[in-house]
Protein backbone atom coordinates (compact mmCIF):
# COMPACT_ATOMS: atom_id res chain seq x y z
CA UNK A 1 0.00 0.00 0.00
CA UNK A 2 1.30 3.46 -0.87
CA UNK A 3 1.40 6.42 1.51
CA UNK A 4 -0.20 9.61 0.15
CA UNK A 5 2.17 11.97 1.93
CA UNK A 6 5.01 11.82 4.46
CA UNK A 7 6.10 14.77 6.58
CA UNK A 8 8.99 15.16 9.00
CA UNK A 9 9.00 17.92 11.59
CA UNK A 10 10.98 18.58 14.74
CA UNK A 11 9.02 17.87 17.92
CA UNK A 12 10.41 20.23 20.58
CA UNK A 13 8.55 18.50 23.41
CA UNK A 14 10.14 15.07 22.79
CA UNK A 15 13.33 16.45 21.19
CA UNK A 16 12.92 14.03 18.27
CA UNK A 17 11.78 14.17 14.68
CA UNK A 18 8.14 13.22 14.12
CA UNK A 19 7.29 11.27 10.97
CA UNK A 20 3.67 11.69 9.89
CA UNK A 21 2.51 9.14 7.33
CA UNK A 22 -0.80 10.02 5.67
CA UNK A 23 -2.85 7.29 4.00
CA UNK A 24 -6.26 8.57 2.97
CA UNK A 25 -7.86 9.98 6.14
CA UNK A 26 -5.53 8.04 8.46
CA UNK A 27 -2.36 9.61 9.86
CA UNK A 28 0.31 7.51 11.56
CA UNK A 29 2.82 9.34 13.78
CA UNK A 30 6.20 7.83 14.64
CA UNK A 31 9.30 9.29 16.26
CA UNK A 32 12.71 9.26 14.63
CA UNK A 33 15.86 9.72 16.67
CA UNK A 34 17.95 11.42 13.96
CA UNK A 35 19.89 14.43 15.29
CA UNK A 36 18.16 17.79 14.99
CA UNK A 37 20.86 19.11 12.66
CA UNK A 38 20.81 16.06 10.34
CA UNK A 39 21.09 16.87 6.65
CA UNK A 40 18.15 16.49 4.31
CA UNK A 41 19.35 13.21 2.78
CA UNK A 42 19.66 11.51 6.20
CA UNK A 43 16.19 12.70 7.15
CA UNK A 44 14.67 11.45 3.90
CA UNK A 45 16.37 8.07 4.36
CA UNK A 46 15.08 7.84 7.95
CA UNK A 47 11.55 8.74 6.78
CA UNK A 48 11.63 6.12 4.02
CA UNK A 49 12.81 3.49 6.50
CA UNK A 50 10.03 4.40 8.95
CA UNK A 51 7.41 4.16 6.19
CA UNK A 52 8.73 0.72 5.15
CA UNK A 53 8.70 -0.49 8.78
CA UNK A 54 5.01 0.44 8.93
CA UNK A 55 4.38 -1.68 5.83
CA UNK A 56 3.88 1.11 3.31
CA UNK A 57 5.69 2.42 0.25
CA UNK A 58 6.39 6.04 -0.61
CA UNK A 59 7.76 8.15 -3.40
CA UNK A 60 10.74 10.20 -2.12
CA UNK A 61 9.19 13.23 -3.85
CA UNK A 62 6.20 12.90 -1.46
CA UNK A 63 8.39 13.46 1.63
CA UNK A 64 8.40 17.00 3.02
CA UNK A 65 10.72 18.24 5.75
CA UNK A 66 9.59 21.08 8.01
CA UNK A 67 12.46 22.60 9.95
């Protein structure tokens, strides 16, 4: 199954990146322990891995990073 959209944003309360995977109306939130100053490629790779672990596929162009 393919994810519609994937977003990464920094969660200041948990001090971790939050990966939001949107599939239709459903949104799955997972934390990622990449460093806050990680470069864009590392964050995209971490997001793709998280999506795969949840059993979904994604297009790297559908991943947005909010800093």
